[in-house]
């Protein structure tokens, strides 16, 4: 019975993360062009995102933009950063074999 509850909880959390724009979901499950478009829209100063731990790198790039750039990052989003960066770190660790392979084959995601 506990296994069913755990699976249900994981499914709900996965859905919430996917809908919430988790960094790992954005960089691993979407095409590179979508990631590039998203980061350019947020006017980040980052020039590339490595595929290894790309979710954490994406989140930090989103936070590393000009103040009041209209990127959607405000004081109200601070809890999002504290929640999404650790979650992305865990998810990035789970997909590490895949992202290591992708990094060796395709290199980093270039924003230029």
PDB file of N, CA and C in Angstrom:
ATOM      1  N   UNK A   1       0.819  -1.187   0.000  1.00  0.00           N
ATOM      2  CA  UNK A   1       0.000   0.000   0.000  1.00  0.00           C
ATOM      3  C   UNK A   1       0.867   1.256   0.000  1.00  0.00           C
ATOM      4  N   UNK A   2       1.962   1.248   0.765  1.00  0.00           N
ATOM      5  CA  UNK A   2       2.833   2.410   0.823  1.00  0.00           C
ATOM      6  C   UNK A   2       3.511   2.668  -0.515  1.00  0.00           C
ATOM      7  N   UNK A   3       3.805   1.615  -1.261  1.00  0.00           N
ATOM      8  CA  UNK A   3       4.447   1.774  -2.565  1.00  0.00           C
ATOM      9  C   UNK A   3       3.529   2.521  -3.525  1.00  0.00           C
ATOM     10  N   UNK A   4       2.232   2.225  -3.475  1.00  0.00           N
ATOM     11  CA  UNK A   4       1.276   2.922  -4.334  1.00  0.00           C
ATOM     12  C   UNK A   4       1.212   4.406  -3.985  1.00  0.00           C
ATOM     13  N   UNK A   5       1.219   4.706  -2.693  1.00  0.00           N
ATOM     14  CA  UNK A   5       1.195   6.106  -2.275  1.00  0.00           C
ATOM     15  C   UNK A   5       2.452   6.826  -2.731  1.00  0.00           C
ATOM     16  N   UNK A   6       3.592   6.153  -2.624  1.00  0.00           N
ATOM     17  CA  UNK A   6       4.852   6.752  -3.043  1.00  0.00           C
ATOM     18  C   UNK A   6       4.856   7.007  -4.543  1.00  0.00           C
ATOM     19  N   UNK A   7       4.374   6.030  -5.330  1.00  0.00           N
ATOM     20  CA  UNK A   7       4.311   6.214  -6.776  1.00  0.00           C
ATOM     21  C   UNK A   7       3.354   7.340  -7.153  1.00  0.00           C
ATOM     22  N   UNK A   8       2.249   7.425  -6.475  1.00  0.00           N
ATOM     23  CA  UNK A   8       1.287   8.491  -6.726  1.00  0.00           C
ATOM     24  C   UNK A   8       1.912   9.850  -6.405  1.00  0.00           C
ATOM     25  N   UNK A   9       2.623   9.917  -5.269  1.00  0.00           N
ATOM     26  CA  UNK A   9       3.269  11.152  -4.862  1.00  0.00           C
ATOM     27  C   UNK A   9       4.337  11.559  -5.887  1.00  0.00           C
ATOM     28  N   UNK A  10       5.127  10.594  -6.356  1.00  0.00           N
ATOM     29  CA  UNK A  10       6.149  10.892  -7.351  1.00  0.00           C
ATOM     30  C   UNK A  10       5.534  11.364  -8.665  1.00  0.00           C
ATOM     31  N   UNK A  11       4.430  10.768  -9.064  1.00  0.00           N
ATOM     32  CA  UNK A  11       3.748  11.189 -10.290  1.00  0.00           C
ATOM     33  C   UNK A  11       3.231  12.621 -10.164  1.00  0.00           C
ATOM     34  N   UNK A  12       2.659  12.938  -9.031  1.00  0.00           N
ATOM     35  CA  UNK A  12       2.153  14.298  -8.804  1.00  0.00           C
ATOM     36  C   UNK A  12       3.308  15.295  -8.811  1.00  0.00           C
ATOM     37  N   UNK A  13       4.391  14.957  -8.102  1.00  0.00           N
ATOM     38  CA  UNK A  13       5.545  15.853  -8.056  1.00  0.00           C
ATOM     39  C   UNK A  13       6.158  16.030  -9.442  1.00  0.00           C
ATOM     40  N   UNK A  14       6.236  14.965 -10.217  1.00  0.00           N
ATOM     41  CA  UNK A  14       6.752  15.065 -11.577  1.00  0.00           C
ATOM     42  C   UNK A  14       5.904  15.986 -12.431  1.00  0.00           C
ATOM     43  N   UNK A  15       4.593  15.869 -12.298  1.00  0.00           N
ATOM     44  CA  UNK A  15       3.689  16.757 -13.033  1.00  0.00           C
ATOM     45  C   UNK A  15       3.838  18.205 -12.620  1.00  0.00           C
ATOM     46  N   UNK A  16       3.958  18.432 -11.327  1.00  0.00           N
ATOM     47  CA  UNK A  16       4.126  19.799 -10.826  1.00  0.00           C
ATOM     48  C   UNK A  16       5.432  20.389 -11.351  1.00  0.00           C
ATOM     49  N   UNK A  17       6.494  19.603 -11.313  1.00  0.00           N
ATOM     50  CA  UNK A  17       7.787  20.090 -11.800  1.00  0.00           C
ATOM     51  C   UNK A  17       7.735  20.385 -13.298  1.00  0.00           C
ATOM     52  N   UNK A  18       7.099  19.513 -14.054  1.00  0.00           N
ATOM     53  CA  UNK A  18       7.013  19.722 -15.495  1.00  0.00           C
ATOM     54  C   UNK A  18       6.217  20.979 -15.818  1.00  0.00           C
ATOM     55  N   UNK A  19       5.130  21.174 -15.110  1.00  0.00           N
ATOM     56  CA  UNK A  19       4.317  22.357 -15.349  1.00  0.00           C
ATOM     57  C   UNK A  19       4.956  23.606 -14.775  1.00  0.00           C
ATOM     58  N   UNK A  20       5.758  23.440 -13.740  1.00  0.00           N
ATOM     59  CA  UNK A  20       6.376  24.579 -13.079  1.00  0.00           C
ATOM     60  C   UNK A  20       7.627  25.093 -13.761  1.00  0.00           C
ATOM     61  N   UNK A  21       8.078  24.451 -14.804  1.00  0.00           N
ATOM     62  CA  UNK A  21       9.248  24.932 -15.510  1.00  0.00           C
ATOM     63  C   UNK A  21      10.549  24.611 -14.818  1.00  0.00           C
ATOM     64  N   UNK A  22      10.644  23.439 -14.242  1.00  0.00           N
ATOM     65  CA  UNK A  22      11.873  23.002 -13.585  1.00  0.00           C
ATOM     66  C   UNK A  22      13.034  23.097 -14.568  1.00  0.00           C
ATOM     67  N   UNK A  23      14.189  23.539 -14.090  1.00  0.00           N
ATOM     68  CA  UNK A  23      15.353  23.695 -14.950  1.00  0.00           C
ATOM     69  C   UNK A  23      15.762  22.415 -15.644  1.00  0.00           C
ATOM     70  N   UNK A  24      15.723  21.297 -14.937  1.00  0.00           N
ATOM     71  CA  UNK A  24      16.105  20.017 -15.533  1.00  0.00           C
ATOM     72  C   UNK A  24      15.127  19.616 -16.617  1.00  0.00           C
ATOM     73  N   UNK A  25      13.850  19.782 -16.367  1.00  0.00           N
ATOM     74  CA  UNK A  25      12.837  19.449 -17.374  1.00  0.00           C
ATOM     75  C   UNK A  25      13.042  20.317 -18.609  1.00  0.00           C
ATOM     76  N   UNK A  26      13.324  21.599 -18.403  1.00  0.00           N
ATOM     77  CA  UNK A  26      13.515  22.525 -19.518  1.00  0.00           C
ATOM     78  C   UNK A  26      14.726  22.157 -20.362  1.00  0.00           C
ATOM     79  N   UNK A  27      15.825  21.780 -19.725  1.00  0.00           N
ATOM     80  CA  UNK A  27      17.058  21.555 -20.483  1.00  0.00           C
ATOM     81  C   UNK A  27      17.232  20.128 -20.983  1.00  0.00           C
ATOM     82  N   UNK A  28      16.671  19.148 -20.287  1.00  0.00           N
ATOM     83  CA  UNK A  28      16.880  17.755 -20.678  1.00  0.00           C
ATOM     84  C   UNK A  28      15.756  17.246 -21.575  1.00  0.00           C
ATOM     85  N   UNK A  29      14.529  17.595 -21.286  1.00  0.00           N
ATOM     86  CA  UNK A  29      13.395  17.037 -22.023  1.00  0.00           C
ATOM     87  C   UNK A  29      12.945  17.879 -23.211  1.00  0.00           C
ATOM     88  N   UNK A  30      13.343  19.131 -23.246  1.00  0.00           N
ATOM     89  CA  UNK A  30      12.943  19.994 -24.363  1.00  0.00           C
ATOM     90  C   UNK A  30      14.108  20.130 -25.337  1.00  0.00           C
ATOM     91  N   UNK A  31      13.801  20.604 -26.528  1.00  0.00           N
ATOM     92  CA  UNK A  31      14.847  20.820 -27.527  1.00  0.00           C
ATOM     93  C   UNK A  31      15.743  21.973 -27.105  1.00  0.00           C
ATOM     94  N   UNK A  32      16.975  21.974 -27.610  1.00  0.00           N
ATOM     95  CA  UNK A  32      17.926  23.029 -27.277  1.00  0.00           C
ATOM     96  C   UNK A  32      17.388  24.408 -27.658  1.00  0.00           C
ATOM     97  N   UNK A  33      16.700  24.487 -28.789  1.00  0.00           N
ATOM     98  CA  UNK A  33      16.184  25.780 -29.246  1.00  0.00           C
ATOM     99  C   UNK A  33      15.178  26.360 -28.253  1.00  0.00           C
ATOM    100  N   UNK A  34      14.397  25.518 -27.603  1.00  0.00           N
ATOM    101  CA  UNK A  34      13.446  26.001 -26.597  1.00  0.00           C
ATOM    102  C   UNK A  34      14.174  26.540 -25.378  1.00  0.00           C
ATOM    103  N   UNK A  35      15.247  25.865 -24.973  1.00  0.00           N
ATOM    104  CA  UNK A  35      16.045  26.329 -23.843  1.00  0.00           C
ATOM    105  C   UNK A  35      16.704  27.659 -24.181  1.00  0.00           C
ATOM    106  N   UNK A  36      17.276  27.760 -25.380  1.00  0.00           N
ATOM    107  CA  UNK A  36      17.933  28.998 -25.815  1.00  0.00           C
ATOM    108  C   UNK A  36      16.922  30.136 -25.863  1.00  0.00           C
ATOM    109  N   UNK A  37      15.762  29.878 -26.443  1.00  0.00           N
ATOM    110  CA  UNK A  37      14.723  30.908 -26.537  1.00  0.00           C
ATOM    111  C   UNK A  37      14.288  31.381 -25.146  1.00  0.00           C
ATOM    112  N   UNK A  38      14.113  30.442 -24.242  1.00  0.00           N
ATOM    113  CA  UNK A  38      13.689  30.776 -22.884  1.00  0.00           C
ATOM    114  C   UNK A  38      14.725  31.647 -22.174  1.00  0.00           C
ATOM    115  N   UNK A  39      15.982  31.273 -22.272  1.00  0.00           N
ATOM    116  CA  UNK A  39      17.025  32.049 -21.591  1.00  0.00           C
ATOM    117  C   UNK A  39      17.247  33.411 -22.239  1.00  0.00           C
ATOM    118  N   UNK A  40      17.131  33.483 -23.565  1.00  0.00           N
ATOM    119  CA  UNK A  40      17.253  34.789 -24.224  1.00  0.00           C
ATOM    120  C   UNK A  40      16.098  35.702 -23.837  1.00  0.00           C
ATOM    121  N   UNK A  41      14.917  35.132 -23.689  1.00  0.00           N
ATOM    122  CA  UNK A  41      13.758  35.935 -23.281  1.00  0.00           C
ATOM    123  C   UNK A  41      13.941  36.490 -21.874  1.00  0.00           C
ATOM    124  N   UNK A  42      14.694  35.780 -21.059  1.00  0.00           N
ATOM    125  CA  UNK A  42      14.934  36.222 -19.684  1.00  0.00           C
ATOM    126  C   UNK A  42      16.168  37.111 -19.580  1.00  0.00           C
ATOM    127  N   UNK A  43      16.785  37.400 -20.726  1.00  0.00           N
ATOM    128  CA  UNK A  43      17.925  38.317 -20.817  1.00  0.00           C
ATOM    129  C   UNK A  43      19.060  37.952 -19.875  1.00  0.00           C
ATOM    130  N   UNK A  44      19.400  36.685 -19.846  1.00  0.00           N
ATOM    131  CA  UNK A  44      20.482  36.225 -18.995  1.00  0.00           C
ATOM    132  C   UNK A  44      21.832  36.648 -19.561  1.00  0.00           C
ATOM    133  N   UNK A  45      22.817  36.740 -18.703  1.00  0.00           N
ATOM    134  CA  UNK A  45      24.180  37.042 -19.131  1.00  0.00           C
ATOM    135  C   UNK A  45      24.938  35.776 -19.530  1.00  0.00           C
ATOM    136  N   UNK A  46      24.365  34.621 -19.305  1.00  0.00           N
ATOM    137  CA  UNK A  46      25.034  33.361 -19.636  1.00  0.00           C
ATOM    138  C   UNK A  46      25.183  33.229 -21.149  1.00  0.00           C
ATOM    139  N   UNK A  47      26.295  32.625 -21.569  1.00  0.00           N
ATOM    140  CA  UNK A  47      26.534  32.404 -22.988  1.00  0.00           C
ATOM    141  C   UNK A  47      26.360  30.947 -23.385  1.00  0.00           C
ATOM    142  N   UNK A  48      26.411  30.052 -22.398  1.00  0.00           N
ATOM    143  CA  UNK A  48      26.180  28.634 -22.667  1.00  0.00           C
ATOM    144  C   UNK A  48      25.745  27.943 -21.380  1.00  0.00           C
ATOM    145  N   UNK A  49      25.139  26.782 -21.563  1.00  0.00           N
ATOM    146  CA  UNK A  49      24.703  25.962 -20.435  1.00  0.00           C
ATOM    147  C   UNK A  49      25.269  24.567 -20.647  1.00  0.00           C
ATOM    148  N   UNK A  50      26.096  24.080 -19.721  1.00  0.00           N
ATOM    149  CA  UNK A  50      26.607  22.717 -19.875  1.00  0.00           C
ATOM    150  C   UNK A  50      25.465  21.718 -19.698  1.00  0.00           C
ATOM    151  N   UNK A  51      25.540  20.619 -20.379  1.00  0.00           N
ATOM    152  CA  UNK A  51      24.475  19.614 -20.273  1.00  0.00           C
ATOM    153  C   UNK A  51      24.541  18.847 -18.956  1.00  0.00           C
ATOM    154  N   UNK A  52      25.739  18.733 -18.384  1.00  0.00           N
ATOM    155  CA  UNK A  52      25.896  18.070 -17.094  1.00  0.00           C
ATOM    156  C   UNK A  52      25.449  19.052 -16.022  1.00  0.00           C
ATOM    157  N   UNK A  53      24.472  18.664 -15.232  1.00  0.00           N
ATOM    158  CA  UNK A  53      23.816  19.536 -14.242  1.00  0.00           C
ATOM    159  C   UNK A  53      23.225  20.774 -14.916  1.00  0.00           C
ATOM    160  N   UNK A  54      22.613  20.556 -16.064  1.00  0.00           N
ATOM    161  CA  UNK A  54      22.045  21.655 -16.845  1.00  0.00           C
ATOM    162  C   UNK A  54      20.859  22.322 -16.166  1.00  0.00           C
ATOM    163  N   UNK A  55      20.110  21.577 -15.371  1.00  0.00           N
ATOM    164  CA  UNK A  55      18.970  22.181 -14.676  1.00  0.00           C
ATOM    165  C   UNK A  55      19.411  23.215 -13.664  1.00  0.00           C
ATOM    166  N   UNK A  56      20.435  22.895 -12.906  1.00  0.00           N
ATOM    167  CA  UNK A  56      20.978  23.850 -11.930  1.00  0.00           C
ATOM    168  C   UNK A  56      21.583  25.038 -12.664  1.00  0.00           C
ATOM    169  N   UNK A  57      22.346  24.765 -13.736  1.00  0.00           N
ATOM    170  CA  UNK A  57      22.953  25.846 -14.511  1.00  0.00           C
ATOM    171  C   UNK A  57      21.878  26.760 -15.108  1.00  0.00           C
ATOM    172  N   UNK A  58      20.812  26.166 -15.609  1.00  0.00           N
ATOM    173  CA  UNK A  58      19.696  26.949 -16.169  1.00  0.00           C
ATOM    174  C   UNK A  58      19.098  27.862 -15.103  1.00  0.00           C
ATOM    175  N   UNK A  59      18.824  27.294 -13.928  1.00  0.00           N
ATOM    176  CA  UNK A  59      18.239  28.102 -12.852  1.00  0.00           C
ATOM    177  C   UNK A  59      19.153  29.256 -12.461  1.00  0.00           C
ATOM    178  N   UNK A  60      20.449  28.993 -12.369  1.00  0.00           N
ATOM    179  CA  UNK A  60      21.389  30.051 -12.014  1.00  0.00           C
ATOM    180  C   UNK A  60      21.493  31.091 -13.122  1.00  0.00           C
ATOM    181  N   UNK A  61      21.377  30.673 -14.385  1.00  0.00           N
ATOM    182  CA  UNK A  61      21.372  31.635 -15.496  1.00  0.00           C
ATOM    183  C   UNK A  61      20.139  32.529 -15.438  1.00  0.00           C
ATOM    184  N   UNK A  62      19.002  31.948 -15.105  1.00  0.00           N
ATOM    185  CA  UNK A  62      17.780  32.742 -14.984  1.00  0.00           C
ATOM    186  C   UNK A  62      17.946  33.800 -13.902  1.00  0.00           C
ATOM    187  N   UNK A  63      18.587  33.429 -12.812  1.00  0.00           N
ATOM    188  CA  UNK A  63      18.804  34.375 -11.721  1.00  0.00           C
ATOM    189  C   UNK A  63      19.911  35.376 -12.053  1.00  0.00           C
ATOM    190  N   UNK A  64      20.759  35.052 -13.036  1.00  0.00           N
ATOM    191  CA  UNK A  64      21.876  35.912 -13.400  1.00  0.00           C
ATOM    192  C   UNK A  64      21.508  36.766 -14.612  1.00  0.00           C
ATOM    193  N   UNK A  65      20.505  37.592 -14.439  1.00  0.00           N
ATOM    194  CA  UNK A  65      20.075  38.506 -15.477  1.00  0.00           C
ATOM    195  C   UNK A  65      20.070  39.913 -14.928  1.00  0.00           C
ATOM    196  N   UNK A  66      19.872  40.870 -15.812  1.00  0.00           N
ATOM    197  CA  UNK A  66      19.847  42.251 -15.326  1.00  0.00           C
ATOM    198  C   UNK A  66      18.643  42.478 -14.410  1.00  0.00           C
ATOM    199  N   UNK A  67      18.820  43.302 -13.384  1.00  0.00           N
ATOM    200  CA  UNK A  67      17.683  43.592 -12.509  1.00  0.00           C
ATOM    201  C   UNK A  67      16.582  44.309 -13.281  1.00  0.00           C
ATOM    202  N   UNK A  68      15.357  43.983 -12.939  1.00  0.00           N
ATOM    203  CA  UNK A  68      14.187  44.597 -13.572  1.00  0.00           C
ATOM    204  C   UNK A  68      14.211  44.453 -15.091  1.00  0.00           C
ATOM    205  N   UNK A  69      14.669  43.302 -15.557  1.00  0.00           N
ATOM    206  CA  UNK A  69      14.745  43.081 -16.998  1.00  0.00           C
ATOM    207  C   UNK A  69      13.422  42.607 -17.577  1.00  0.00           C
ATOM    208  N   UNK A  70      12.429  42.459 -16.726  1.00  0.00           N
ATOM    209  CA  UNK A  70      11.177  41.910 -17.199  1.00  0.00           C
ATOM    210  C   UNK A  70      11.266  40.402 -17.375  1.00  0.00           C
ATOM    211  N   UNK A  71      12.287  39.810 -16.781  1.00  0.00           N
ATOM    212  CA  UNK A  71      12.478  38.375 -16.955  1.00  0.00           C
ATOM    213  C   UNK A  71      11.558  37.559 -16.055  1.00  0.00           C
ATOM    214  N   UNK A  72      10.793  38.235 -15.235  1.00  0.00           N
ATOM    215  CA  UNK A  72       9.897  37.507 -14.353  1.00  0.00           C
ATOM    216  C   UNK A  72      10.529  37.175 -13.019  1.00  0.00           C
ATOM    217  N   UNK A  73      11.802  37.466 -12.829  1.00  0.00           N
ATOM    218  CA  UNK A  73      12.467  37.188 -11.564  1.00  0.00           C
ATOM    219  C   UNK A  73      12.306  38.414 -10.676  1.00  0.00           C
ATOM    220  N   UNK A  74      11.679  38.225  -9.558  1.00  0.00           N
ATOM    221  CA  UNK A  74      11.471  39.314  -8.616  1.00  0.00           C
ATOM    222  C   UNK A  74      11.630  38.773  -7.213  1.00  0.00           C
ATOM    223  N   UNK A  75      11.421  39.623  -6.238  1.00  0.00           N
ATOM    224  CA  UNK A  75      11.509  39.167  -4.854  1.00  0.00           C
ATOM    225  C   UNK A  75      10.505  38.065  -4.566  1.00  0.00           C
ATOM    226  N   UNK A  76       9.393  38.063  -5.279  1.00  0.00           N
ATOM    227  CA  UNK A  76       8.387  37.012  -5.092  1.00  0.00           C
ATOM    228  C   UNK A  76       8.885  35.662  -5.593  1.00  0.00           C
ATOM    229  N   UNK A  77       9.905  35.665  -6.486  1.00  0.00           N
ATOM    230  CA  UNK A  77      10.420  34.427  -7.053  1.00  0.00           C
ATOM    231  C   UNK A  77      11.556  33.825  -6.236  1.00  0.00           C
ATOM    232  N   UNK A  78      11.997  34.499  -5.196  1.00  0.00           N
ATOM    233  CA  UNK A  78      13.103  33.984  -4.388  1.00  0.00           C
ATOM    234  C   UNK A  78      12.787  32.597  -3.839  1.00  0.00           C
ATOM    235  N   UNK A  79      11.592  32.333  -3.310  1.00  0.00           N
ATOM    236  CA  UNK A  79      11.308  30.965  -2.863  1.00  0.00           C
ATOM    237  C   UNK A  79      11.410  29.950  -3.999  1.00  0.00           C
ATOM    238  N   UNK A  80      11.050  30.343  -5.216  1.00  0.00           N
ATOM    239  CA  UNK A  80      11.171  29.451  -6.360  1.00  0.00           C
ATOM    240  C   UNK A  80      12.622  29.015  -6.522  1.00  0.00           C
ATOM    241  N   UNK A  81      13.558  29.952  -6.410  1.00  0.00           N
ATOM    242  CA  UNK A  81      14.971  29.626  -6.580  1.00  0.00           C
ATOM    243  C   UNK A  81      15.438  28.657  -5.499  1.00  0.00           C
ATOM    244  N   UNK A  82      15.016  28.888  -4.285  1.00  0.00           N
ATOM    245  CA  UNK A  82      15.434  28.007  -3.198  1.00  0.00           C
ATOM    246  C   UNK A  82      14.833  26.615  -3.330  1.00  0.00           C
ATOM    247  N   UNK A  83      13.699  26.507  -3.977  1.00  0.00           N
ATOM    248  CA  UNK A  83      13.052  25.203  -4.166  1.00  0.00           C
ATOM    249  C   UNK A  83      13.565  24.520  -5.437  1.00  0.00           C
ATOM    250  N   UNK A  84      13.645  25.255  -6.540  1.00  0.00           N
ATOM    251  CA  UNK A  84      13.958  24.626  -7.827  1.00  0.00           C
ATOM    252  C   UNK A  84      15.419  24.220  -7.967  1.00  0.00           C
ATOM    253  N   UNK A  85      16.351  24.999  -7.429  1.00  0.00           N
ATOM    254  CA  UNK A  85      17.763  24.637  -7.572  1.00  0.00           C
ATOM    255  C   UNK A  85      18.067  23.289  -6.904  1.00  0.00           C
ATOM    256  N   UNK A  86      17.659  23.051  -5.659  1.00  0.00           N
ATOM    257  CA  UNK A  86      17.933  21.726  -5.078  1.00  0.00           C
ATOM    258  C   UNK A  86      17.189  20.587  -5.790  1.00  0.00           C
ATOM    259  N   UNK A  87      15.967  20.843  -6.213  1.00  0.00           N
ATOM    260  CA  UNK A  87      15.212  19.806  -6.925  1.00  0.00           C
ATOM    261  C   UNK A  87      15.887  19.502  -8.252  1.00  0.00           C
ATOM    262  N   UNK A  88      16.316  20.547  -8.953  1.00  0.00           N
ATOM    263  CA  UNK A  88      17.033  20.333 -10.204  1.00  0.00           C
ATOM    264  C   UNK A  88      18.333  19.580  -9.958  1.00  0.00           C
ATOM    265  N   UNK A  89      18.998  19.864  -8.849  1.00  0.00           N
ATOM    266  CA  UNK A  89      20.225  19.146  -8.515  1.00  0.00           C
ATOM    267  C   UNK A  89      19.986  17.654  -8.356  1.00  0.00           C
ATOM    268  N   UNK A  90      18.897  17.310  -7.684  1.00  0.00           N
ATOM    269  CA  UNK A  90      18.563  15.891  -7.499  1.00  0.00           C
ATOM    270  C   UNK A  90      18.207  15.249  -8.840  1.00  0.00           C
ATOM    271  N   UNK A  91      17.363  15.921  -9.620  1.00  0.00           N
ATOM    272  CA  UNK A  91      16.973  15.365 -10.916  1.00  0.00           C
ATOM    273  C   UNK A  91      18.170  15.289 -11.859  1.00  0.00           C
ATOM    274  N   UNK A  92      19.043  16.306 -11.824  1.00  0.00           N
ATOM    275  CA  UNK A  92      20.244  16.272 -12.655  1.00  0.00           C
ATOM    276  C   UNK A  92      21.125  15.087 -12.297  1.00  0.00           C
ATOM    277  N   UNK A  93      21.203  14.765 -11.027  1.00  0.00           N
ATOM    278  CA  UNK A  93      21.992  13.609 -10.598  1.00  0.00           C
ATOM    279  C   UNK A  93      21.386  12.318 -11.135  1.00  0.00           C
ATOM    280  N   UNK A  94      20.066  12.226 -11.149  1.00  0.00           N
ATOM    281  CA  UNK A  94      19.402  11.022 -11.653  1.00  0.00           C
ATOM    282  C   UNK A  94      19.633  10.814 -13.146  1.00  0.00           C
ATOM    283  N   UNK A  95      19.716  11.904 -13.904  1.00  0.00           N
ATOM    284  CA  UNK A  95      19.900  11.778 -15.358  1.00  0.00           C
ATOM    285  C   UNK A  95      21.361  11.959 -15.766  1.00  0.00           C
ATOM    286  N   UNK A  96      22.269  11.897 -14.805  1.00  0.00           N
ATOM    287  CA  UNK A  96      23.690  12.138 -15.060  1.00  0.00           C
ATOM    288  C   UNK A  96      24.283  11.247 -16.151  1.00  0.00           C
ATOM    289  N   UNK A  97      24.019   9.953 -16.190  1.00  0.00           N
ATOM    290  CA  UNK A  97      24.596   9.154 -17.292  1.00  0.00           C
ATOM    291  C   UNK A  97      24.172   9.662 -18.671  1.00  0.00           C
ATOM    292  N   UNK A  98      22.924  10.042 -18.807  1.00  0.00           N
ATOM    293  CA  UNK A  98      22.421  10.566 -20.083  1.00  0.00           C
ATOM    294  C   UNK A  98      23.074  11.903 -20.427  1.00  0.00           C
ATOM    295  N   UNK A  99      23.163  12.809 -19.450  1.00  0.00           N
ATOM    296  CA  UNK A  99      23.704  14.135 -19.742  1.00  0.00           C
ATOM    297  C   UNK A  99      25.217  14.094 -19.989  1.00  0.00           C
ATOM    298  N   UNK A 100      25.917  13.162 -19.355  1.00  0.00           N
ATOM    299  CA  UNK A 100      27.350  13.007 -19.646  1.00  0.00           C
ATOM    300  C   UNK A 100      27.526  12.589 -21.108  1.00  0.00           C
ATOM    301  N   UNK A 101      26.703  11.647 -21.543  1.00  0.00           N
ATOM    302  CA  UNK A 101      26.759  11.215 -22.940  1.00  0.00           C
ATOM    303  C   UNK A 101      26.424  12.377 -23.876  1.00  0.00           C
ATOM    304  N   UNK A 102      25.350  13.099 -23.580  1.00  0.00           N
ATOM    305  CA  UNK A 102      24.943  14.227 -24.424  1.00  0.00           C
ATOM    306  C   UNK A 102      26.025  15.315 -24.473  1.00  0.00           C
ATOM    307  N   UNK A 103      26.672  15.567 -23.346  1.00  0.00           N
ATOM    308  CA  UNK A 103      27.747  16.565 -23.306  1.00  0.00           C
ATOM    309  C   UNK A 103      28.902  16.133 -24.205  1.00  0.00           C
ATOM    310  N   UNK A 104      29.240  14.849 -24.171  1.00  0.00           N
ATOM    311  CA  UNK A 104      30.364  14.375 -24.989  1.00  0.00           C
ATOM    312  C   UNK A 104      30.021  14.368 -26.481  1.00  0.00           C
ATOM    313  N   UNK A 105      28.764  14.143 -26.819  1.00  0.00           N
ATOM    314  CA  UNK A 105      28.368  14.085 -28.229  1.00  0.00           C
ATOM    315  C   UNK A 105      28.053  15.473 -28.777  1.00  0.00           C
ATOM    316  N   UNK A 106      27.268  16.262 -28.024  1.00  0.00           N
ATOM    317  CA  UNK A 106      26.757  17.539 -28.537  1.00  0.00           C
ATOM    318  C   UNK A 106      27.406  18.781 -27.950  1.00  0.00           C
ATOM    319  N   UNK A 107      28.135  18.652 -26.856  1.00  0.00           N
ATOM    320  CA  UNK A 107      28.713  19.828 -26.218  1.00  0.00           C
ATOM    321  C   UNK A 107      27.658  20.589 -25.435  1.00  0.00           C
ATOM    322  N   UNK A 108      28.032  21.781 -25.015  1.00  0.00           N
ATOM    323  CA  UNK A 108      27.122  22.616 -24.219  1.00  0.00           C
ATOM    324  C   UNK A 108      26.034  23.219 -25.101  1.00  0.00           C
ATOM    325  N   UNK A 109      24.988  23.708 -24.460  1.00  0.00           N
ATOM    326  CA  UNK A 109      23.913  24.421 -25.155  1.00  0.00           C
ATOM    327  C   UNK A 109      24.376  25.876 -25.285  1.00  0.00           C
ATOM    328  N   UNK A 110      24.642  26.307 -26.518  1.00  0.00           N
ATOM    329  CA  UNK A 110      25.167  27.646 -26.777  1.00  0.00           C
ATOM    330  C   UNK A 110      24.009  28.634 -26.978  1.00  0.00           C
ATOM    331  N   UNK A 111      24.111  29.788 -26.336  1.00  0.00           N
ATOM    332  CA  UNK A 111      23.070  30.794 -26.444  1.00  0.00           C
ATOM    333  C   UNK A 111      23.394  31.860 -27.488  1.00  0.00           C
ATOM    334  N   UNK A 112      24.553  31.823 -28.052  1.00  0.00           N
ATOM    335  CA  UNK A 112      24.970  32.872 -28.993  1.00  0.00           C
ATOM    336  C   UNK A 112      24.248  32.814 -30.287  1.00  0.00           C
TER     337      UNK A 112
END
